[in-house]
């Protein structure tokens, strides 16, 4: 599983910025044992981190929402900053450990499951062409997810298929099978409906669904 080098680099940069915030600590000035940190440095770091978490995990993620809550409650104390930094460290650990990919894969798998259910219903009702078009879209979504997971730039279906095989994500036999499925989907989309049968459509649906189950 390959991580996005830009995101990994940004996590590293923000870890360094967090150290700068930590080094700005100073006594509270009232003779107590509490320390404060630079509010300007904290806000700059937290804003940058929120931007990264939104891009990586989404606004609804636990990492983003927890850090945003801490950011809004920050009044300058070192322990508040350390709480925020703990959230950042957890997010980095989850990203580098592949948790982000498993969440995205789960969401995609659930969406695709609904698409396959619709395609099967269409096929049962005699709409093999619409079923094949929907199945081809599902195939393309799956290949895009595989490319993103393996550090390959997504593109047209056939180019992604070749790149995934070249990167040994799957073998040449699977590549040829994907090409055959894509061909049926293209024929359906371009009105060449007599060039494939209902059995071809059924085989395509079964095959693409199995691919998703195996990979996502």
C-alpha atoms as a PDB file:
ATOM      1  CA  UNK A   1       0.000   0.000   0.000  1.00  0.00           C
ATOM      2  CA  UNK A   2       1.549   3.295  -1.084  1.00  0.00           C
ATOM      3  CA  UNK A   3       0.963   6.551   0.757  1.00  0.00           C
ATOM      4  CA  UNK A   4       0.561   9.900  -0.955  1.00  0.00           C
ATOM      5  CA  UNK A   5       4.072  11.415  -0.711  1.00  0.00           C
ATOM      6  CA  UNK A   6       2.692  14.974  -0.547  1.00  0.00           C
ATOM      7  CA  UNK A   7       0.448  14.159   2.401  1.00  0.00           C
ATOM      8  CA  UNK A   8       3.243  12.266   4.159  1.00  0.00           C
ATOM      9  CA  UNK A   9       5.572  15.224   3.650  1.00  0.00           C
ATOM     10  CA  UNK A  10       2.947  17.615   5.013  1.00  0.00           C
ATOM     11  CA  UNK A  11       2.520  15.505   8.144  1.00  0.00           C
ATOM     12  CA  UNK A  12       6.289  15.663   8.625  1.00  0.00           C
ATOM     13  CA  UNK A  13       6.329  19.456   8.151  1.00  0.00           C
ATOM     14  CA  UNK A  14       3.511  19.936  10.639  1.00  0.00           C
ATOM     15  CA  UNK A  15       5.254  17.703  13.175  1.00  0.00           C
ATOM     16  CA  UNK A  16       8.212  20.088  12.939  1.00  0.00           C
ATOM     17  CA  UNK A  17       5.895  23.085  13.337  1.00  0.00           C
ATOM     18  CA  UNK A  18       4.400  21.471  16.430  1.00  0.00           C
ATOM     19  CA  UNK A  19       7.893  21.335  17.925  1.00  0.00           C
ATOM     20  CA  UNK A  20       8.205  25.087  17.345  1.00  0.00           C
ATOM     21  CA  UNK A  21       4.955  25.633  19.238  1.00  0.00           C
ATOM     22  CA  UNK A  22       6.217  23.424  22.062  1.00  0.00           C
ATOM     23  CA  UNK A  23       9.497  25.341  22.290  1.00  0.00           C
ATOM     24  CA  UNK A  24       7.590  28.613  22.717  1.00  0.00           C
ATOM     25  CA  UNK A  25       6.414  27.517  26.205  1.00  0.00           C
ATOM     26  CA  UNK A  26       6.873  29.972  29.047  1.00  0.00           C
ATOM     27  CA  UNK A  27       5.686  30.276  32.666  1.00  0.00           C
ATOM     28  CA  UNK A  28       2.230  31.718  33.158  1.00  0.00           C
ATOM     29  CA  UNK A  29       3.690  34.723  34.965  1.00  0.00           C
ATOM     30  CA  UNK A  30       1.534  34.343  38.034  1.00  0.00           C
ATOM     31  CA  UNK A  31       3.869  32.160  40.042  1.00  0.00           C
ATOM     32  CA  UNK A  32       1.964  28.990  39.236  1.00  0.00           C
ATOM     33  CA  UNK A  33       3.079  25.772  37.649  1.00  0.00           C
ATOM     34  CA  UNK A  34       1.236  26.184  34.354  1.00  0.00           C
ATOM     35  CA  UNK A  35       2.906  27.098  31.097  1.00  0.00           C
ATOM     36  CA  UNK A  36       1.565  28.840  28.036  1.00  0.00           C
ATOM     37  CA  UNK A  37       2.597  28.638  24.385  1.00  0.00           C
ATOM     38  CA  UNK A  38       2.566  31.172  21.568  1.00  0.00           C
ATOM     39  CA  UNK A  39      -1.028  31.653  20.433  1.00  0.00           C
ATOM     40  CA  UNK A  40       0.043  32.833  16.991  1.00  0.00           C
ATOM     41  CA  UNK A  41       2.255  29.791  16.419  1.00  0.00           C
ATOM     42  CA  UNK A  42      -0.450  27.466  17.722  1.00  0.00           C
ATOM     43  CA  UNK A  43      -3.150  28.978  15.512  1.00  0.00           C
ATOM     44  CA  UNK A  44      -0.933  28.787  12.436  1.00  0.00           C
ATOM     45  CA  UNK A  45      -0.082  25.151  13.153  1.00  0.00           C
ATOM     46  CA  UNK A  46      -3.650  24.167  14.010  1.00  0.00           C
ATOM     47  CA  UNK A  47      -5.078  25.875  10.916  1.00  0.00           C
ATOM     48  CA  UNK A  48      -2.583  24.080   8.679  1.00  0.00           C
ATOM     49  CA  UNK A  49      -3.322  20.791  10.431  1.00  0.00           C
ATOM     50  CA  UNK A  50      -7.091  21.199  10.113  1.00  0.00           C
ATOM     51  CA  UNK A  51      -6.637  21.799   6.394  1.00  0.00           C
ATOM     52  CA  UNK A  52      -4.600  18.605   6.062  1.00  0.00           C
ATOM     53  CA  UNK A  53      -7.077  16.535   8.098  1.00  0.00           C
ATOM     54  CA  UNK A  54      -9.997  17.830   6.064  1.00  0.00           C
ATOM     55  CA  UNK A  55      -8.237  16.857   2.854  1.00  0.00           C
ATOM     56  CA  UNK A  56      -7.109  13.472   4.141  1.00  0.00           C
ATOM     57  CA  UNK A  57      -9.991  12.285   6.316  1.00  0.00           C
ATOM     58  CA  UNK A  58     -12.900  14.661   5.622  1.00  0.00           C
ATOM     59  CA  UNK A  59     -14.735  17.243   7.758  1.00  0.00           C
ATOM     60  CA  UNK A  60     -16.882  14.572   9.419  1.00  0.00           C
ATOM     61  CA  UNK A  61     -13.924  12.496  10.586  1.00  0.00           C
ATOM     62  CA  UNK A  62     -13.205  12.120  14.285  1.00  0.00           C
ATOM     63  CA  UNK A  63      -9.722  13.575  13.786  1.00  0.00           C
ATOM     64  CA  UNK A  64     -10.963  16.795  12.160  1.00  0.00           C
ATOM     65  CA  UNK A  65     -13.914  17.360  14.510  1.00  0.00           C
ATOM     66  CA  UNK A  66     -11.858  16.740  17.667  1.00  0.00           C
ATOM     67  CA  UNK A  67      -9.064  19.081  16.608  1.00  0.00           C
ATOM     68  CA  UNK A  68     -11.549  21.770  15.567  1.00  0.00           C
ATOM     69  CA  UNK A  69     -13.177  21.552  19.005  1.00  0.00           C
ATOM     70  CA  UNK A  70      -9.799  21.921  20.736  1.00  0.00           C
ATOM     71  CA  UNK A  71      -8.865  24.803  18.424  1.00  0.00           C
ATOM     72  CA  UNK A  72     -12.043  26.690  19.304  1.00  0.00           C
ATOM     73  CA  UNK A  73     -11.420  26.174  23.039  1.00  0.00           C
ATOM     74  CA  UNK A  74      -7.738  27.125  22.977  1.00  0.00           C
ATOM     75  CA  UNK A  75      -6.799  30.035  25.256  1.00  0.00           C
ATOM     76  CA  UNK A  76      -3.033  29.628  25.282  1.00  0.00           C
ATOM     77  CA  UNK A  77      -2.192  26.885  27.763  1.00  0.00           C
ATOM     78  CA  UNK A  78       0.504  24.341  26.979  1.00  0.00           C
ATOM     79  CA  UNK A  79      -1.647  21.394  28.051  1.00  0.00           C
ATOM     80  CA  UNK A  80      -4.306  22.477  25.532  1.00  0.00           C
ATOM     81  CA  UNK A  81      -1.702  22.467  22.791  1.00  0.00           C
ATOM     82  CA  UNK A  82      -0.471  19.026  23.853  1.00  0.00           C
ATOM     83  CA  UNK A  83      -4.038  17.702  23.638  1.00  0.00           C
ATOM     84  CA  UNK A  84      -4.235  19.066  20.091  1.00  0.00           C
ATOM     85  CA  UNK A  85      -0.870  17.560  19.229  1.00  0.00           C
ATOM     86  CA  UNK A  86      -2.077  14.169  20.482  1.00  0.00           C
ATOM     87  CA  UNK A  87      -4.945  14.322  17.979  1.00  0.00           C
ATOM     88  CA  UNK A  88      -2.471  15.213  15.233  1.00  0.00           C
ATOM     89  CA  UNK A  89      -0.225  12.272  16.193  1.00  0.00           C
ATOM     90  CA  UNK A  90      -3.191   9.883  16.175  1.00  0.00           C
ATOM     91  CA  UNK A  91      -4.245  11.098  12.736  1.00  0.00           C
ATOM     92  CA  UNK A  92      -0.725  10.670  11.382  1.00  0.00           C
ATOM     93  CA  UNK A  93      -0.500   7.176  12.853  1.00  0.00           C
ATOM     94  CA  UNK A  94      -3.850   6.195  11.327  1.00  0.00           C
ATOM     95  CA  UNK A  95      -2.845   7.591   7.939  1.00  0.00           C
ATOM     96  CA  UNK A  96       0.548   5.907   7.861  1.00  0.00           C
ATOM     97  CA  UNK A  97      -0.977   2.672   9.169  1.00  0.00           C
ATOM     98  CA  UNK A  98      -3.441   2.496   6.293  1.00  0.00           C
ATOM     99  CA  UNK A  99      -6.593   3.186   8.329  1.00  0.00           C
ATOM    100  CA  UNK A 100      -7.650   5.924   5.918  1.00  0.00           C
ATOM    101  CA  UNK A 101      -7.524   3.535   2.985  1.00  0.00           C
ATOM    102  CA  UNK A 102      -9.584   0.895   4.774  1.00  0.00           C
ATOM    103  CA  UNK A 103     -12.291   3.451   5.606  1.00  0.00           C
ATOM    104  CA  UNK A 104     -12.437   4.733   2.050  1.00  0.00           C
ATOM    105  CA  UNK A 105     -12.496   1.182   0.731  1.00  0.00           C
ATOM    106  CA  UNK A 106     -15.381   0.294   3.042  1.00  0.00           C
ATOM    107  CA  UNK A 107     -17.399   3.273   1.820  1.00  0.00           C
ATOM    108  CA  UNK A 108     -16.675   2.472  -1.821  1.00  0.00           C
ATOM    109  CA  UNK A 109     -17.552  -1.184  -1.286  1.00  0.00           C
ATOM    110  CA  UNK A 110     -20.906  -0.242   0.243  1.00  0.00           C
ATOM    111  CA  UNK A 111     -21.715   2.123  -2.636  1.00  0.00           C
ATOM    112  CA  UNK A 112     -20.690  -0.464  -5.208  1.00  0.00           C
ATOM    113  CA  UNK A 113     -22.777  -3.114  -3.467  1.00  0.00           C
ATOM    114  CA  UNK A 114     -25.839  -0.942  -4.061  1.00  0.00           C
ATOM    115  CA  UNK A 115     -24.833  -0.481  -7.704  1.00  0.00           C
ATOM    116  CA  UNK A 116     -24.499  -4.230  -8.231  1.00  0.00           C
ATOM    117  CA  UNK A 117     -27.892  -4.798  -6.643  1.00  0.00           C
ATOM    118  CA  UNK A 118     -29.417  -2.312  -9.096  1.00  0.00           C
ATOM    119  CA  UNK A 119     -27.596  -3.952 -12.007  1.00  0.00           C
ATOM    120  CA  UNK A 120     -28.904  -7.392 -11.041  1.00  0.00           C
ATOM    121  CA  UNK A 121     -32.424  -6.042 -10.815  1.00  0.00           C
ATOM    122  CA  UNK A 122     -32.106  -4.451 -14.268  1.00  0.00           C
ATOM    123  CA  UNK A 123     -30.773  -7.696 -15.712  1.00  0.00           C
ATOM    124  CA  UNK A 124     -33.656  -9.710 -14.255  1.00  0.00           C
ATOM    125  CA  UNK A 125     -36.124  -7.289 -15.811  1.00  0.00           C
ATOM    126  CA  UNK A 126     -34.507  -7.691 -19.221  1.00  0.00           C
ATOM    127  CA  UNK A 127     -32.478  -4.464 -19.324  1.00  0.00           C
ATOM    128  CA  UNK A 128     -29.103  -6.070 -20.002  1.00  0.00           C
ATOM    129  CA  UNK A 129     -27.711  -2.951 -21.653  1.00  0.00           C
ATOM    130  CA  UNK A 130     -28.403  -0.634 -18.721  1.00  0.00           C
ATOM    131  CA  UNK A 131     -27.048  -3.299 -16.378  1.00  0.00           C
ATOM    132  CA  UNK A 132     -23.785  -3.439 -18.360  1.00  0.00           C
ATOM    133  CA  UNK A 133     -23.419   0.343 -18.379  1.00  0.00           C
ATOM    134  CA  UNK A 134     -23.877   0.477 -14.608  1.00  0.00           C
ATOM    135  CA  UNK A 135     -21.445  -2.406 -14.202  1.00  0.00           C
ATOM    136  CA  UNK A 136     -18.820  -0.652 -16.328  1.00  0.00           C
ATOM    137  CA  UNK A 137     -19.111   2.476 -14.188  1.00  0.00           C
ATOM    138  CA  UNK A 138     -18.601   0.305 -11.104  1.00  0.00           C
ATOM    139  CA  UNK A 139     -15.537  -1.262 -12.727  1.00  0.00           C
ATOM    140  CA  UNK A 140     -14.040   2.164 -13.423  1.00  0.00           C
ATOM    141  CA  UNK A 141     -14.689   3.324  -9.847  1.00  0.00           C
ATOM    142  CA  UNK A 142     -12.957   0.183  -8.576  1.00  0.00           C
ATOM    143  CA  UNK A 143      -9.886   0.717 -10.755  1.00  0.00           C
ATOM    144  CA  UNK A 144      -9.652   4.356  -9.641  1.00  0.00           C
ATOM    145  CA  UNK A 145      -9.740   3.250  -6.009  1.00  0.00           C
ATOM    146  CA  UNK A 146      -6.989   0.714  -6.692  1.00  0.00           C
ATOM    147  CA  UNK A 147      -4.861   3.348  -8.417  1.00  0.00           C
ATOM    148  CA  UNK A 148      -5.234   5.794  -5.531  1.00  0.00           C
ATOM    149  CA  UNK A 149      -4.370   3.070  -3.023  1.00  0.00           C
ATOM    150  CA  UNK A 150      -1.217   2.105  -4.935  1.00  0.00           C
ATOM    151  CA  UNK A 151       0.109   5.555  -5.794  1.00  0.00           C
ATOM    152  CA  UNK A 152      -0.961   5.436  -9.454  1.00  0.00           C
ATOM    153  CA  UNK A 153      -2.504   8.489 -11.098  1.00  0.00           C
ATOM    154  CA  UNK A 154      -6.085   7.629 -12.157  1.00  0.00           C
ATOM    155  CA  UNK A 155      -7.019   8.053 -15.811  1.00  0.00           C
ATOM    156  CA  UNK A 156      -8.987   6.293 -18.496  1.00  0.00           C
ATOM    157  CA  UNK A 157     -10.057   2.750 -17.716  1.00  0.00           C
ATOM    158  CA  UNK A 158      -7.717   0.924 -20.081  1.00  0.00           C
ATOM    159  CA  UNK A 159      -4.716   2.996 -19.022  1.00  0.00           C
ATOM    160  CA  UNK A 160      -5.465   2.287 -15.357  1.00  0.00           C
ATOM    161  CA  UNK A 161      -5.861  -1.399 -16.164  1.00  0.00           C
ATOM    162  CA  UNK A 162      -2.441  -1.518 -17.799  1.00  0.00           C
ATOM    163  CA  UNK A 163      -0.801   0.465 -14.996  1.00  0.00           C
ATOM    164  CA  UNK A 164      -2.265  -1.774 -12.289  1.00  0.00           C
ATOM    165  CA  UNK A 165      -1.041  -4.902 -14.035  1.00  0.00           C
ATOM    166  CA  UNK A 166       2.404  -3.364 -14.563  1.00  0.00           C
ATOM    167  CA  UNK A 167       2.552  -2.516 -10.847  1.00  0.00           C
ATOM    168  CA  UNK A 168       1.671  -6.169 -10.040  1.00  0.00           C
ATOM    169  CA  UNK A 169      -1.551  -5.200  -8.281  1.00  0.00           C
ATOM    170  CA  UNK A 170      -3.068  -8.036 -10.298  1.00  0.00           C
ATOM    171  CA  UNK A 171      -1.785 -10.392 -12.992  1.00  0.00           C
ATOM    172  CA  UNK A 172      -2.055 -10.335 -16.781  1.00  0.00           C
ATOM    173  CA  UNK A 173      -4.947 -12.800 -16.803  1.00  0.00           C
ATOM    174  CA  UNK A 174      -6.959 -10.385 -14.671  1.00  0.00           C
ATOM    175  CA  UNK A 175      -5.922  -7.506 -16.932  1.00  0.00           C
ATOM    176  CA  UNK A 176      -7.306  -9.328 -19.964  1.00  0.00           C
ATOM    177  CA  UNK A 177     -10.514 -10.084 -18.106  1.00  0.00           C
ATOM    178  CA  UNK A 178     -10.931  -6.422 -17.136  1.00  0.00           C
ATOM    179  CA  UNK A 179     -10.388  -5.458 -20.785  1.00  0.00           C
ATOM    180  CA  UNK A 180     -13.128  -7.884 -21.834  1.00  0.00           C
ATOM    181  CA  UNK A 181     -15.553  -6.474 -19.256  1.00  0.00           C
ATOM    182  CA  UNK A 182     -14.769  -2.926 -20.319  1.00  0.00           C
ATOM    183  CA  UNK A 183     -15.393  -3.892 -23.954  1.00  0.00           C
ATOM    184  CA  UNK A 184     -18.882  -5.165 -23.119  1.00  0.00           C
ATOM    185  CA  UNK A 185     -19.585  -1.976 -21.175  1.00  0.00           C
ATOM    186  CA  UNK A 186     -18.412   0.167 -24.089  1.00  0.00           C
ATOM    187  CA  UNK A 187     -20.645  -1.735 -26.505  1.00  0.00           C
ATOM    188  CA  UNK A 188     -23.600  -1.179 -24.196  1.00  0.00           C
ATOM    189  CA  UNK A 189     -22.862   2.541 -23.942  1.00  0.00           C
ATOM    190  CA  UNK A 190     -22.502   2.931 -27.725  1.00  0.00           C
ATOM    191  CA  UNK A 191     -25.635   1.058 -28.718  1.00  0.00           C
ATOM    192  CA  UNK A 192     -23.920  -2.090 -30.005  1.00  0.00           C
ATOM    193  CA  UNK A 193     -26.448  -4.197 -28.135  1.00  0.00           C
ATOM    194  CA  UNK A 194     -26.477  -7.155 -30.527  1.00  0.00           C
ATOM    195  CA  UNK A 195     -22.758  -7.803 -30.030  1.00  0.00           C
ATOM    196  CA  UNK A 196     -23.143  -9.375 -26.593  1.00  0.00           C
ATOM    197  CA  UNK A 197     -25.740 -11.562 -24.905  1.00  0.00           C
ATOM    198  CA  UNK A 198     -27.564 -11.612 -21.605  1.00  0.00           C
ATOM    199  CA  UNK A 199     -25.181 -14.373 -20.523  1.00  0.00           C
ATOM    200  CA  UNK A 200     -22.241 -12.086 -21.331  1.00  0.00           C
ATOM    201  CA  UNK A 201     -23.843  -9.399 -19.195  1.00  0.00           C
ATOM    202  CA  UNK A 202     -24.353 -11.858 -16.345  1.00  0.00           C
ATOM    203  CA  UNK A 203     -20.731 -13.020 -16.537  1.00  0.00           C
ATOM    204  CA  UNK A 204     -19.535  -9.418 -16.523  1.00  0.00           C
ATOM    205  CA  UNK A 205     -21.637  -8.580 -13.480  1.00  0.00           C
ATOM    206  CA  UNK A 206     -20.481 -11.672 -11.578  1.00  0.00           C
ATOM    207  CA  UNK A 207     -16.846 -11.025 -12.475  1.00  0.00           C
ATOM    208  CA  UNK A 208     -16.748  -7.338 -11.572  1.00  0.00           C
ATOM    209  CA  UNK A 209     -18.581  -7.992  -8.307  1.00  0.00           C
ATOM    210  CA  UNK A 210     -16.046 -10.714  -7.439  1.00  0.00           C
ATOM    211  CA  UNK A 211     -13.189  -8.328  -8.267  1.00  0.00           C
ATOM    212  CA  UNK A 212     -14.580  -5.739  -5.868  1.00  0.00           C
ATOM    213  CA  UNK A 213     -15.048  -8.356  -3.136  1.00  0.00           C
ATOM    214  CA  UNK A 214     -11.470  -9.606  -3.546  1.00  0.00           C
ATOM    215  CA  UNK A 215      -9.755  -6.234  -3.758  1.00  0.00           C
ATOM    216  CA  UNK A 216     -11.841  -3.690  -1.854  1.00  0.00           C
END
